[in-house]
Amino acid sequence: MPWPGEAVLAGPRRFADEWLAVEGKSVVPIVAQSGVDSVVLDRLRMGAQSVGASELLRCGLEPGTAVERLAVPSRLTGGASVLFVVPDLSGAVLASGGGYVLVAGARSFLSGAVPGGVDAARARFGRTARRLVARYPELPGVAAEYPSVDHAWAKPGDVRADSFVARQLAAMESFVRGELPGPEFARTWFAAWRMSQERGERLRAPLDRVLNHLFFVLEDYPIDPTLRDPGDVTDAELLAEVQAALRELAPDGV
């Protein structure tokens, strides 16, 4: 079996730009002081499952090293210097020492391997790297190479216009203006919420608190009115909740 590192690596500590360019792959550094440990293996399994892979390829970092085919549900073994690759090359995990591993892949792979999103994971790595710099001095350099792109948004004015959080807020405004009926608003808002979670868009107070509250309100709102039970959120109650949310998020708070 060909050594998979030839296709995905540009050296023992980095992935090849040509491989990353296919499907727009991203790289996420994760602190792992012993290399590929049980936590990283769990991430690897979830990434493989998210792309429908039943096997993983495991090998060393030097050309010509033996390649093992391992069933995803089997007992996987990690290591401090090892490469795991999904057979269709949609994702990989690289450990080469230094107290961290690199997880890379297409969005479908990373949705399982990095469920909180690329940006949030990179931000978390940067914070941890600063704490562990005395023990692992190269971590800040790795964090600088893979920086987080977005800061956590606290208010509507912070939110990127092309984000899915922006779509949630726009749906709320449209609902309040009477441009969307309740069921269509709920479907639109939930669709944007799911994509925001998948993309790893990050929020902080007060925006996260307000949108989280609205999420639970909408969970009690039956999109199909024929399925409404006593105590479910009504259209009038939903409108009042969305109006209150927008007032709380307004710059002047009124």
Foldseek 3Di string as FASTA:
>chain_A
DFDCCVVFPPAQAGTDPVLCVVLVKDKFKDFAQFFCDPLQLQLQLQLCVLVPFQWKWKFFSDGPTDIDIGGSVDDDDTGQTMKIAGVVRQWIKGHPHLRIIMTMGHLSSCCRNPVLARLVRLVVQCVVCVVCCVVRVCSNVVSVVRDRDADAAAAPVRDDCPALVVQLLVLLVCVLVVNDQPLVSLVSNVVSVVVNSSNNRHHDPPVVVLVVVLVVLSVQADSPVVPHDPPGQDRVNNSVSSVQSVLCRDPVSD
